PDB file of all heavy atoms in Angstrom:
ATOM      1  N   GLU A   1      16.705  26.209 -12.351  1.00  0.00           N
ATOM      2  CA  GLU A   1      15.269  26.300 -12.636  1.00  0.00           C
ATOM      3  C   GLU A   1      14.416  25.585 -11.588  1.00  0.00           C
ATOM      4  O   GLU A   1      13.237  25.885 -11.436  1.00  0.00           O
ATOM      5  CB  GLU A   1      14.957  25.700 -14.016  1.00  0.00           C
ATOM      6  CG  GLU A   1      15.552  26.463 -15.185  1.00  0.00           C
ATOM      7  CD  GLU A   1      16.896  25.914 -15.607  1.00  0.00           C
ATOM      8  OE1 GLU A   1      17.611  25.357 -14.735  1.00  0.00           O
ATOM      9  OE2 GLU A   1      17.225  26.021 -16.806  1.00  0.00           O
ATOM     10  N   LEU A   2      14.993  24.605 -10.898  1.00  0.00           N
ATOM     11  CA  LEU A   2      14.249  23.823  -9.918  1.00  0.00           C
ATOM     12  C   LEU A   2      14.550  24.319  -8.515  1.00  0.00           C
ATOM     13  O   LEU A   2      15.709  24.527  -8.150  1.00  0.00           O
ATOM     14  CB  LEU A   2      14.631  22.345 -10.015  1.00  0.00           C
ATOM     15  CG  LEU A   2      14.189  21.580 -11.260  1.00  0.00           C
ATOM     16  CD1 LEU A   2      14.861  20.216 -11.299  1.00  0.00           C
ATOM     17  CD2 LEU A   2      12.686  21.418 -11.293  1.00  0.00           C
ATOM     18  N   SER A   3      13.504  24.484  -7.705  1.00  0.00           N
ATOM     19  CA  SER A   3      13.710  24.826  -6.301  1.00  0.00           C
ATOM     20  C   SER A   3      14.247  23.599  -5.565  1.00  0.00           C
ATOM     21  O   SER A   3      14.183  22.470  -6.057  1.00  0.00           O
ATOM     22  CB  SER A   3      12.392  25.280  -5.673  1.00  0.00           C
ATOM     23  OG  SER A   3      11.500  24.187  -5.557  1.00  0.00           O
ATOM     24  N   PHE A   4      14.770  23.802  -4.354  1.00  0.00           N
ATOM     25  CA  PHE A   4      15.223  22.666  -3.553  1.00  0.00           C
ATOM     26  C   PHE A   4      14.064  21.701  -3.291  1.00  0.00           C
ATOM     27  O   PHE A   4      14.228  20.480  -3.362  1.00  0.00           O
ATOM     28  CB  PHE A   4      15.810  23.147  -2.221  1.00  0.00           C
ATOM     29  CG  PHE A   4      17.181  23.748  -2.340  1.00  0.00           C
ATOM     30  CD1 PHE A   4      17.401  25.079  -2.037  1.00  0.00           C
ATOM     31  CD2 PHE A   4      18.264  22.983  -2.752  1.00  0.00           C
ATOM     32  CE1 PHE A   4      18.668  25.640  -2.142  1.00  0.00           C
ATOM     33  CE2 PHE A   4      19.540  23.528  -2.863  1.00  0.00           C
ATOM     34  CZ  PHE A   4      19.745  24.869  -2.553  1.00  0.00           C
ATOM     35  N   ALA A   5      12.887  22.241  -2.982  1.00  0.00           N
ATOM     36  CA  ALA A   5      11.735  21.385  -2.693  1.00  0.00           C
ATOM     37  C   ALA A   5      11.354  20.559  -3.916  1.00  0.00           C
ATOM     38  O   ALA A   5      11.060  19.360  -3.807  1.00  0.00           O
ATOM     39  CB  ALA A   5      10.555  22.236  -2.222  1.00  0.00           C
ATOM     40  N   GLU A   6      11.339  21.176  -5.097  1.00  0.00           N
ATOM     41  CA  GLU A   6      11.003  20.438  -6.320  1.00  0.00           C
ATOM     42  C   GLU A   6      12.044  19.365  -6.607  1.00  0.00           C
ATOM     43  O   GLU A   6      11.705  18.220  -6.926  1.00  0.00           O
ATOM     44  CB  GLU A   6      10.904  21.415  -7.494  1.00  0.00           C
ATOM     45  CG  GLU A   6       9.691  22.330  -7.421  1.00  0.00           C
ATOM     46  CD  GLU A   6       9.756  23.489  -8.399  1.00  0.00           C
ATOM     47  OE1 GLU A   6      10.856  23.819  -8.891  1.00  0.00           O
ATOM     48  OE2 GLU A   6       8.684  24.082  -8.670  1.00  0.00           O
ATOM     49  N   ALA A   7      13.311  19.731  -6.477  1.00  0.00           N
ATOM     50  CA  ALA A   7      14.378  18.776  -6.768  1.00  0.00           C
ATOM     51  C   ALA A   7      14.344  17.590  -5.808  1.00  0.00           C
ATOM     52  O   ALA A   7      14.637  16.455  -6.197  1.00  0.00           O
ATOM     53  CB  ALA A   7      15.736  19.476  -6.691  1.00  0.00           C
ATOM     54  N   ALA A   8      13.961  17.837  -4.552  1.00  0.00           N
ATOM     55  CA  ALA A   8      13.926  16.764  -3.557  1.00  0.00           C
ATOM     56  C   ALA A   8      12.850  15.733  -3.860  1.00  0.00           C
ATOM     57  O   ALA A   8      12.897  14.617  -3.330  1.00  0.00           O
ATOM     58  CB  ALA A   8      13.705  17.350  -2.161  1.00  0.00           C
ATOM     59  N   CYS A   9      11.888  16.059  -4.700  1.00  0.00           N
ATOM     60  CA  CYS A   9      10.821  15.110  -5.059  1.00  0.00           C
ATOM     61  C   CYS A   9      11.265  14.128  -6.139  1.00  0.00           C
ATOM     62  O   CYS A   9      10.606  13.101  -6.345  1.00  0.00           O
ATOM     63  CB  CYS A   9       9.605  15.870  -5.589  1.00  0.00           C
ATOM     64  SG  CYS A   9       8.830  16.977  -4.395  1.00  0.00           S
ATOM     65  N   LEU A  10      12.359  14.418  -6.836  1.00  0.00           N
ATOM     66  CA  LEU A  10      12.704  13.654  -8.027  1.00  0.00           C
ATOM     67  C   LEU A  10      13.348  12.298  -7.772  1.00  0.00           C
ATOM     68  O   LEU A  10      13.017  11.322  -8.456  1.00  0.00           O
ATOM     69  CB  LEU A  10      13.626  14.497  -8.937  1.00  0.00           C
ATOM     70  CG  LEU A  10      13.027  15.799  -9.479  1.00  0.00           C
ATOM     71  CD1 LEU A  10      14.069  16.530 -10.327  1.00  0.00           C
ATOM     72  CD2 LEU A  10      11.776  15.532 -10.310  1.00  0.00           C
ATOM     73  N   PRO A  11      14.277  12.137  -6.818  1.00  0.00           N
ATOM     74  CA  PRO A  11      15.093  10.921  -6.799  1.00  0.00           C
ATOM     75  C   PRO A  11      14.364   9.630  -6.460  1.00  0.00           C
ATOM     76  O   PRO A  11      14.887   8.553  -6.765  1.00  0.00           O
ATOM     77  CB  PRO A  11      16.157  11.234  -5.734  1.00  0.00           C
ATOM     78  CG  PRO A  11      16.205  12.721  -5.661  1.00  0.00           C
ATOM     79  CD  PRO A  11      14.794  13.150  -5.874  1.00  0.00           C
ATOM     80  N   THR A  12      13.224   9.670  -5.824  1.00  0.00           N
ATOM     81  CA  THR A  12      12.521   8.420  -5.503  1.00  0.00           C
ATOM     82  C   THR A  12      11.252   8.301  -6.339  1.00  0.00           C
ATOM     83  O   THR A  12      11.204   7.553  -7.313  1.00  0.00           O
ATOM     84  CB  THR A  12      12.213   8.330  -4.000  1.00  0.00           C
ATOM     85  OG1 THR A  12      13.443   8.325  -3.271  1.00  0.00           O
ATOM     86  CG2 THR A  12      11.467   7.044  -3.670  1.00  0.00           C
ATOM     87  N   ALA A  13      10.207   9.040  -6.010  1.00  0.00           N
ATOM     88  CA  ALA A  13       8.922   8.868  -6.689  1.00  0.00           C
ATOM     89  C   ALA A  13       9.002   9.228  -8.173  1.00  0.00           C
ATOM     90  O   ALA A  13       8.530   8.472  -9.032  1.00  0.00           O
ATOM     91  CB  ALA A  13       7.856   9.716  -5.997  1.00  0.00           C
ATOM     92  N   TRP A  14       9.587  10.356  -8.483  1.00  0.00           N
ATOM     93  CA  TRP A  14       9.606  10.802  -9.873  1.00  0.00           C
ATOM     94  C   TRP A  14      10.572   9.984 -10.723  1.00  0.00           C
ATOM     95  O   TRP A  14      10.301   9.688 -11.883  1.00  0.00           O
ATOM     96  CB  TRP A  14       9.891  12.298  -9.947  1.00  0.00           C
ATOM     97  CG  TRP A  14       8.631  13.078  -9.716  1.00  0.00           C
ATOM     98  CD1 TRP A  14       7.895  13.118  -8.579  1.00  0.00           C
ATOM     99  CD2 TRP A  14       7.940  13.880 -10.684  1.00  0.00           C
ATOM    100  NE1 TRP A  14       6.780  13.901  -8.763  1.00  0.00           N
ATOM    101  CE2 TRP A  14       6.784  14.390 -10.036  1.00  0.00           C
ATOM    102  CE3 TRP A  14       8.174  14.241 -11.996  1.00  0.00           C
ATOM    103  CZ2 TRP A  14       5.876  15.219 -10.675  1.00  0.00           C
ATOM    104  CZ3 TRP A  14       7.271  15.080 -12.643  1.00  0.00           C
ATOM    105  CH2 TRP A  14       6.139  15.551 -11.986  1.00  0.00           C
ATOM    106  N   LEU A  15      11.686   9.584 -10.151  1.00  0.00           N
ATOM    107  CA  LEU A  15      12.600   8.714 -10.883  1.00  0.00           C
ATOM    108  C   LEU A  15      11.966   7.353 -11.119  1.00  0.00           C
ATOM    109  O   LEU A  15      12.105   6.768 -12.201  1.00  0.00           O
ATOM    110  CB  LEU A  15      13.909   8.568 -10.110  1.00  0.00           C
ATOM    111  CG  LEU A  15      14.967   7.648 -10.736  1.00  0.00           C
ATOM    112  CD1 LEU A  15      15.352   8.117 -12.128  1.00  0.00           C
ATOM    113  CD2 LEU A  15      16.193   7.554  -9.834  1.00  0.00           C
ATOM    114  N   THR A  16      11.259   6.836 -10.121  1.00  0.00           N
ATOM    115  CA  THR A  16      10.544   5.570 -10.292  1.00  0.00           C
ATOM    116  C   THR A  16       9.563   5.666 -11.452  1.00  0.00           C
ATOM    117  O   THR A  16       9.476   4.767 -12.300  1.00  0.00           O
ATOM    118  CB  THR A  16       9.804   5.203  -8.992  1.00  0.00           C
ATOM    119  OG1 THR A  16      10.762   4.999  -7.953  1.00  0.00           O
ATOM    120  CG2 THR A  16       8.978   3.936  -9.167  1.00  0.00           C
ATOM    121  N   ALA A  17       8.797   6.754 -11.514  1.00  0.00           N
ATOM    122  CA  ALA A  17       7.831   6.947 -12.597  1.00  0.00           C
ATOM    123  C   ALA A  17       8.527   7.069 -13.948  1.00  0.00           C
ATOM    124  O   ALA A  17       8.074   6.499 -14.954  1.00  0.00           O
ATOM    125  CB  ALA A  17       6.990   8.186 -12.313  1.00  0.00           C
ATOM    126  N   TYR A  18       9.612   7.810 -13.994  1.00  0.00           N
ATOM    127  CA  TYR A  18      10.357   8.006 -15.244  1.00  0.00           C
ATOM    128  C   TYR A  18      10.828   6.661 -15.801  1.00  0.00           C
ATOM    129  O   TYR A  18      10.664   6.359 -16.983  1.00  0.00           O
ATOM    130  CB  TYR A  18      11.551   8.927 -14.974  1.00  0.00           C
ATOM    131  CG  TYR A  18      12.390   9.249 -16.202  1.00  0.00           C
ATOM    132  CD1 TYR A  18      12.147  10.400 -16.951  1.00  0.00           C
ATOM    133  CD2 TYR A  18      13.429   8.407 -16.607  1.00  0.00           C
ATOM    134  CE1 TYR A  18      12.919  10.702 -18.072  1.00  0.00           C
ATOM    135  CE2 TYR A  18      14.198   8.700 -17.721  1.00  0.00           C
ATOM    136  CZ  TYR A  18      13.930   9.845 -18.443  1.00  0.00           C
ATOM    137  OH  TYR A  18      14.687  10.149 -19.555  1.00  0.00           O
ATOM    138  N   ARG A  19      11.409   5.839 -14.934  1.00  0.00           N
ATOM    139  CA  ARG A  19      11.920   4.534 -15.377  1.00  0.00           C
ATOM    140  C   ARG A  19      10.773   3.623 -15.820  1.00  0.00           C
ATOM    141  O   ARG A  19      10.878   2.922 -16.839  1.00  0.00           O
ATOM    142  CB  ARG A  19      12.721   3.879 -14.255  1.00  0.00           C
ATOM    143  CG  ARG A  19      13.378   2.540 -14.626  1.00  0.00           C
ATOM    144  CD  ARG A  19      14.192   2.038 -13.441  1.00  0.00           C
ATOM    145  NE  ARG A  19      14.809   0.738 -13.662  1.00  0.00           N
ATOM    146  CZ  ARG A  19      16.021   0.540 -14.192  1.00  0.00           C
ATOM    147  NH1 ARG A  19      16.742   1.594 -14.571  1.00  0.00           N
ATOM    148  NH2 ARG A  19      16.519  -0.668 -14.334  1.00  0.00           N
ATOM    149  N   MET A  20       9.666   3.610 -15.060  1.00  0.00           N
ATOM    150  CA  MET A  20       8.522   2.791 -15.431  1.00  0.00           C
ATOM    151  C   MET A  20       8.028   3.127 -16.832  1.00  0.00           C
ATOM    152  O   MET A  20       7.812   2.244 -17.667  1.00  0.00           O
ATOM    153  CB  MET A  20       7.377   2.995 -14.433  1.00  0.00           C
ATOM    154  CG  MET A  20       7.621   2.443 -13.044  1.00  0.00           C
ATOM    155  SD  MET A  20       6.298   2.902 -11.898  1.00  0.00           S
ATOM    156  CE  MET A  20       4.961   1.810 -12.445  1.00  0.00           C
ATOM    157  N   LEU A  21       7.842   4.403 -17.074  1.00  0.00           N
ATOM    158  CA  LEU A  21       7.179   4.846 -18.302  1.00  0.00           C
ATOM    159  C   LEU A  21       8.104   4.876 -19.511  1.00  0.00           C
ATOM    160  O   LEU A  21       7.743   4.417 -20.600  1.00  0.00           O
ATOM    161  CB  LEU A  21       6.578   6.241 -18.073  1.00  0.00           C
ATOM    162  CG  LEU A  21       5.569   6.750 -19.091  1.00  0.00           C
ATOM    163  CD1 LEU A  21       4.408   5.782 -19.252  1.00  0.00           C
ATOM    164  CD2 LEU A  21       5.053   8.126 -18.660  1.00  0.00           C
ATOM    165  N   PHE A  22       9.324   5.376 -19.316  1.00  0.00           N
ATOM    166  CA  PHE A  22      10.205   5.635 -20.463  1.00  0.00           C
ATOM    167  C   PHE A  22      11.285   4.575 -20.668  1.00  0.00           C
ATOM    168  O   PHE A  22      11.836   4.470 -21.760  1.00  0.00           O
ATOM    169  CB  PHE A  22      10.876   6.999 -20.312  1.00  0.00           C
ATOM    170  CG  PHE A  22       9.911   8.145 -20.220  1.00  0.00           C
ATOM    171  CD1 PHE A  22      10.042   9.104 -19.234  1.00  0.00           C
ATOM    172  CD2 PHE A  22       8.852   8.265 -21.113  1.00  0.00           C
ATOM    173  CE1 PHE A  22       9.154  10.167 -19.140  1.00  0.00           C
ATOM    174  CE2 PHE A  22       7.953   9.325 -21.026  1.00  0.00           C
ATOM    175  CZ  PHE A  22       8.102  10.272 -20.033  1.00  0.00           C
ATOM    176  N   VAL A  23      11.603   3.803 -19.633  1.00  0.00           N
ATOM    177  CA  VAL A  23      12.673   2.812 -19.753  1.00  0.00           C
ATOM    178  C   VAL A  23      12.119   1.396 -19.821  1.00  0.00           C
ATOM    179  O   VAL A  23      12.562   0.588 -20.642  1.00  0.00           O
ATOM    180  CB  VAL A  23      13.673   2.942 -18.576  1.00  0.00           C
ATOM    181  CG1 VAL A  23      14.803   1.906 -18.706  1.00  0.00           C
ATOM    182  CG2 VAL A  23      14.247   4.358 -18.504  1.00  0.00           C
ATOM    183  N   LYS A  24      11.137   1.076 -19.002  1.00  0.00           N
ATOM    184  CA  LYS A  24      10.680  -0.302 -18.850  1.00  0.00           C
ATOM    185  C   LYS A  24       9.461  -0.673 -19.686  1.00  0.00           C
ATOM    186  O   LYS A  24       9.298  -1.831 -20.075  1.00  0.00           O
ATOM    187  CB  LYS A  24      10.367  -0.571 -17.366  1.00  0.00           C
ATOM    188  CG  LYS A  24      11.595  -0.665 -16.476  1.00  0.00           C
ATOM    189  CD  LYS A  24      12.375  -1.936 -16.765  1.00  0.00           C
ATOM    190  CE  LYS A  24      13.453  -2.190 -15.744  1.00  0.00           C
ATOM    191  NZ  LYS A  24      14.128  -3.486 -15.950  1.00  0.00           N
ATOM    192  N   SER A  25       8.556   0.266 -19.935  1.00  0.00           N
ATOM    193  CA  SER A  25       7.245  -0.109 -20.473  1.00  0.00           C
ATOM    194  C   SER A  25       7.270  -0.506 -21.946  1.00  0.00           C
ATOM    195  O   SER A  25       6.452  -1.313 -22.385  1.00  0.00           O
ATOM    196  CB  SER A  25       6.252   1.039 -20.281  1.00  0.00           C
ATOM    197  OG  SER A  25       6.493   2.075 -21.220  1.00  0.00           O
ATOM    198  N   GLY A  26       8.175   0.074 -22.723  1.00  0.00           N
ATOM    199  CA  GLY A  26       8.160  -0.154 -24.170  1.00  0.00           C
ATOM    200  C   GLY A  26       7.024   0.556 -24.883  1.00  0.00           C
ATOM    201  O   GLY A  26       6.822   0.369 -26.091  1.00  0.00           O
ATOM    202  N   LEU A  27       6.278   1.390 -24.165  1.00  0.00           N
ATOM    203  CA  LEU A  27       5.155   2.111 -24.762  1.00  0.00           C
ATOM    204  C   LEU A  27       5.647   3.354 -25.503  1.00  0.00           C
ATOM    205  O   LEU A  27       6.745   3.856 -25.250  1.00  0.00           O
ATOM    206  CB  LEU A  27       4.150   2.500 -23.678  1.00  0.00           C
ATOM    207  CG  LEU A  27       3.513   1.324 -22.930  1.00  0.00           C
ATOM    208  CD1 LEU A  27       2.705   1.832 -21.742  1.00  0.00           C
ATOM    209  CD2 LEU A  27       2.621   0.510 -23.871  1.00  0.00           C
ATOM    210  N   ARG A  28       4.789   3.861 -26.376  1.00  0.00           N
ATOM    211  CA  ARG A  28       5.143   5.012 -27.201  1.00  0.00           C
ATOM    212  C   ARG A  28       4.137   6.137 -27.008  1.00  0.00           C
ATOM    213  O   ARG A  28       2.953   5.870 -26.731  1.00  0.00           O
ATOM    214  CB  ARG A  28       5.188   4.612 -28.681  1.00  0.00           C
ATOM    215  CG  ARG A  28       6.177   3.518 -28.997  1.00  0.00           C
ATOM    216  CD  ARG A  28       6.157   3.145 -30.481  1.00  0.00           C
ATOM    217  NE  ARG A  28       4.827   2.691 -30.917  1.00  0.00           N
ATOM    218  CZ  ARG A  28       4.352   1.469 -30.712  1.00  0.00           C
ATOM    219  NH1 ARG A  28       5.074   0.574 -30.064  1.00  0.00           N
ATOM    220  NH2 ARG A  28       3.156   1.138 -31.146  1.00  0.00           N
ATOM    221  N   PRO A  29       4.564   7.385 -27.188  1.00  0.00           N
ATOM    222  CA  PRO A  29       3.615   8.496 -27.134  1.00  0.00           C
ATOM    223  C   PRO A  29       2.447   8.257 -28.076  1.00  0.00           C
ATOM    224  O   PRO A  29       2.599   7.708 -29.174  1.00  0.00           O
ATOM    225  CB  PRO A  29       4.465   9.694 -27.599  1.00  0.00           C
ATOM    226  CG  PRO A  29       5.862   9.333 -27.197  1.00  0.00           C
ATOM    227  CD  PRO A  29       5.958   7.845 -27.399  1.00  0.00           C
ATOM    228  N   GLY A  30       1.267   8.638 -27.620  1.00  0.00           N
ATOM    229  CA  GLY A  30       0.040   8.389 -28.371  1.00  0.00           C
ATOM    230  C   GLY A  30      -0.718   7.180 -27.871  1.00  0.00           C
ATOM    231  O   GLY A  30      -1.927   7.058 -28.114  1.00  0.00           O
ATOM    232  N   GLN A  31      -0.047   6.271 -27.170  1.00  0.00           N
ATOM    233  CA  GLN A  31      -0.730   5.107 -26.618  1.00  0.00           C
ATOM    234  C   GLN A  31      -1.411   5.470 -25.291  1.00  0.00           C
ATOM    235  O   GLN A  31      -1.128   6.505 -24.691  1.00  0.00           O
ATOM    236  CB  GLN A  31       0.252   3.951 -26.432  1.00  0.00           C
ATOM    237  CG  GLN A  31       0.757   3.370 -27.750  1.00  0.00           C
ATOM    238  CD  GLN A  31       1.610   2.131 -27.565  1.00  0.00           C
ATOM    239  OE1 GLN A  31       2.680   2.186 -26.982  1.00  0.00           O
ATOM    240  NE2 GLN A  31       1.131   1.005 -28.086  1.00  0.00           N
ATOM    241  N   THR A  32      -2.309   4.582 -24.861  1.00  0.00           N
ATOM    242  CA  THR A  32      -3.112   4.855 -23.672  1.00  0.00           C
ATOM    243  C   THR A  32      -2.548   4.099 -22.477  1.00  0.00           C
ATOM    244  O   THR A  32      -2.328   2.888 -22.538  1.00  0.00           O
ATOM    245  CB  THR A  32      -4.575   4.425 -23.900  1.00  0.00           C
ATOM    246  OG1 THR A  32      -5.076   5.094 -25.061  1.00  0.00           O
ATOM    247  CG2 THR A  32      -5.437   4.808 -22.702  1.00  0.00           C
ATOM    248  N   VAL A  33      -2.338   4.831 -21.396  1.00  0.00           N
ATOM    249  CA  VAL A  33      -1.765   4.287 -20.168  1.00  0.00           C
ATOM    250  C   VAL A  33      -2.742   4.522 -19.026  1.00  0.00           C
ATOM    251  O   VAL A  33      -3.235   5.639 -18.842  1.00  0.00           O
ATOM    252  CB  VAL A  33      -0.415   4.956 -19.844  1.00  0.00           C
ATOM    253  CG1 VAL A  33       0.138   4.461 -18.519  1.00  0.00           C
ATOM    254  CG2 VAL A  33       0.585   4.710 -20.955  1.00  0.00           C
ATOM    255  N   LEU A  34      -3.017   3.462 -18.251  1.00  0.00           N
ATOM    256  CA  LEU A  34      -3.831   3.585 -17.051  1.00  0.00           C
ATOM    257  C   LEU A  34      -2.918   3.639 -15.840  1.00  0.00           C
ATOM    258  O   LEU A  34      -2.077   2.764 -15.639  1.00  0.00           O
ATOM    259  CB  LEU A  34      -4.782   2.390 -16.919  1.00  0.00           C
ATOM    260  CG  LEU A  34      -5.624   2.341 -15.631  1.00  0.00           C
ATOM    261  CD1 LEU A  34      -6.623   3.489 -15.598  1.00  0.00           C
ATOM    262  CD2 LEU A  34      -6.329   0.998 -15.496  1.00  0.00           C
ATOM    263  N   VAL A  35      -3.094   4.673 -15.021  1.00  0.00           N
ATOM    264  CA  VAL A  35      -2.340   4.820 -13.779  1.00  0.00           C
ATOM    265  C   VAL A  35      -3.277   4.496 -12.624  1.00  0.00           C
ATOM    266  O   VAL A  35      -4.290   5.177 -12.428  1.00  0.00           O
ATOM    267  CB  VAL A  35      -1.780   6.251 -13.636  1.00  0.00           C
ATOM    268  CG1 VAL A  35      -1.049   6.400 -12.303  1.00  0.00           C
ATOM    269  CG2 VAL A  35      -0.843   6.575 -14.797  1.00  0.00           C
ATOM    270  N   GLN A  36      -2.947   3.460 -11.872  1.00  0.00           N
ATOM    271  CA  GLN A  36      -3.778   3.057 -10.742  1.00  0.00           C
ATOM    272  C   GLN A  36      -3.425   3.900  -9.500  1.00  0.00           C
ATOM    273  O   GLN A  36      -2.264   4.111  -9.201  1.00  0.00           O
ATOM    274  CB  GLN A  36      -3.575   1.579 -10.423  1.00  0.00           C
ATOM    275  CG  GLN A  36      -4.025   0.621 -11.508  1.00  0.00           C
ATOM    276  CD  GLN A  36      -5.533   0.379 -11.505  1.00  0.00           C
ATOM    277  OE1 GLN A  36      -6.312   1.186 -11.000  1.00  0.00           O
ATOM    278  NE2 GLN A  36      -5.951  -0.736 -12.089  1.00  0.00           N
ATOM    279  N   GLY A  37      -4.472   4.363  -8.822  1.00  0.00           N
ATOM    280  CA  GLY A  37      -4.250   5.021  -7.539  1.00  0.00           C
ATOM    281  C   GLY A  37      -3.824   6.465  -7.628  1.00  0.00           C
ATOM    282  O   GLY A  37      -2.763   6.839  -7.115  1.00  0.00           O
ATOM    283  N   ALA A  38      -4.627   7.287  -8.283  1.00  0.00           N
ATOM    284  CA  ALA A  38      -4.294   8.704  -8.416  1.00  0.00           C
ATOM    285  C   ALA A  38      -4.057   9.343  -7.059  1.00  0.00           C
ATOM    286  O   ALA A  38      -4.695   8.983  -6.077  1.00  0.00           O
ATOM    287  CB  ALA A  38      -5.422   9.438  -9.140  1.00  0.00           C
ATOM    288  N   SER A  39      -3.131  10.264  -7.015  1.00  0.00           N
ATOM    289  CA  SER A  39      -2.793  11.140  -5.887  1.00  0.00           C
ATOM    290  C   SER A  39      -1.517  10.749  -5.179  1.00  0.00           C
ATOM    291  O   SER A  39      -0.898  11.576  -4.517  1.00  0.00           O
ATOM    292  CB  SER A  39      -3.910  11.281  -4.843  1.00  0.00           C
ATOM    293  OG  SER A  39      -3.871  10.238  -3.883  1.00  0.00           O
ATOM    294  N   GLY A  40      -1.075   9.494  -5.287  1.00  0.00           N
ATOM    295  CA  GLY A  40       0.206   9.132  -4.697  1.00  0.00           C
ATOM    296  C   GLY A  40       1.357   9.796  -5.435  1.00  0.00           C
ATOM    297  O   GLY A  40       1.203  10.303  -6.552  1.00  0.00           O
ATOM    298  N   GLY A  41       2.541   9.777  -4.827  1.00  0.00           N
ATOM    299  CA  GLY A  41       3.687  10.459  -5.417  1.00  0.00           C
ATOM    300  C   GLY A  41       4.076   9.909  -6.772  1.00  0.00           C
ATOM    301  O   GLY A  41       4.270  10.657  -7.736  1.00  0.00           O
ATOM    302  N   VAL A  42       4.187   8.573  -6.897  1.00  0.00           N
ATOM    303  CA  VAL A  42       4.556   7.978  -8.175  1.00  0.00           C
ATOM    304  C   VAL A  42       3.441   8.175  -9.195  1.00  0.00           C
ATOM    305  O   VAL A  42       3.687   8.507 -10.355  1.00  0.00           O
ATOM    306  CB  VAL A  42       4.891   6.478  -8.006  1.00  0.00           C
ATOM    307  CG1 VAL A  42       5.162   5.825  -9.358  1.00  0.00           C
ATOM    308  CG2 VAL A  42       6.099   6.304  -7.089  1.00  0.00           C
ATOM    309  N   ALA A  43       2.194   7.981  -8.768  1.00  0.00           N
ATOM    310  CA  ALA A  43       1.061   8.134  -9.693  1.00  0.00           C
ATOM    311  C   ALA A  43       0.984   9.562 -10.228  1.00  0.00           C
ATOM    312  O   ALA A  43       0.760   9.779 -11.430  1.00  0.00           O
ATOM    313  CB  ALA A  43      -0.238   7.770  -8.975  1.00  0.00           C
ATOM    314  N   THR A  44       1.178  10.531  -9.369  1.00  0.00           N
ATOM    315  CA  THR A  44       1.154  11.929  -9.805  1.00  0.00           C
ATOM    316  C   THR A  44       2.252  12.188 -10.818  1.00  0.00           C
ATOM    317  O   THR A  44       2.037  12.840 -11.847  1.00  0.00           O
ATOM    318  CB  THR A  44       1.325  12.861  -8.585  1.00  0.00           C
ATOM    319  OG1 THR A  44       0.243  12.644  -7.676  1.00  0.00           O
ATOM    320  CG2 THR A  44       1.328  14.313  -9.011  1.00  0.00           C
ATOM    321  N   ALA A  45       3.448  11.665 -10.552  1.00  0.00           N
ATOM    322  CA  ALA A  45       4.557  11.838 -11.491  1.00  0.00           C
ATOM    323  C   ALA A  45       4.247  11.186 -12.834  1.00  0.00           C
ATOM    324  O   ALA A  45       4.554  11.746 -13.896  1.00  0.00           O
ATOM    325  CB  ALA A  45       5.829  11.247 -10.891  1.00  0.00           C
ATOM    326  N   LEU A  46       3.636  10.003 -12.806  1.00  0.00           N
ATOM    327  CA  LEU A  46       3.285   9.320 -14.047  1.00  0.00           C
ATOM    328  C   LEU A  46       2.310  10.135 -14.884  1.00  0.00           C
ATOM    329  O   LEU A  46       2.428  10.207 -16.107  1.00  0.00           O
ATOM    330  CB  LEU A  46       2.684   7.947 -13.727  1.00  0.00           C
ATOM    331  CG  LEU A  46       3.680   6.871 -13.295  1.00  0.00           C
ATOM    332  CD1 LEU A  46       2.966   5.712 -12.621  1.00  0.00           C
ATOM    333  CD2 LEU A  46       4.490   6.369 -14.502  1.00  0.00           C
ATOM    334  N   ILE A  47       1.347  10.763 -14.219  1.00  0.00           N
ATOM    335  CA  ILE A  47       0.379  11.600 -14.944  1.00  0.00           C
ATOM    336  C   ILE A  47       1.088  12.765 -15.617  1.00  0.00           C
ATOM    337  O   ILE A  47       0.912  13.026 -16.818  1.00  0.00           O
ATOM    338  CB  ILE A  47      -0.713  12.114 -13.983  1.00  0.00           C
ATOM    339  CG1 ILE A  47      -1.553  10.959 -13.454  1.00  0.00           C
ATOM    340  CG2 ILE A  47      -1.602  13.143 -14.682  1.00  0.00           C
ATOM    341  CD1 ILE A  47      -2.426  11.328 -12.268  1.00  0.00           C
TER     342      ILE A  47
END
């Protein structure tokens, strides 16, 4: 389902975002999260 280009984006920026949000933060769906610095790779993934 993922192109090579899409898959290549995951291991650094997107994995960093995944761990921040779902592993480290302790936050739950429905809560409000502020992402600083829109447009960067990690920030985009977090959104």
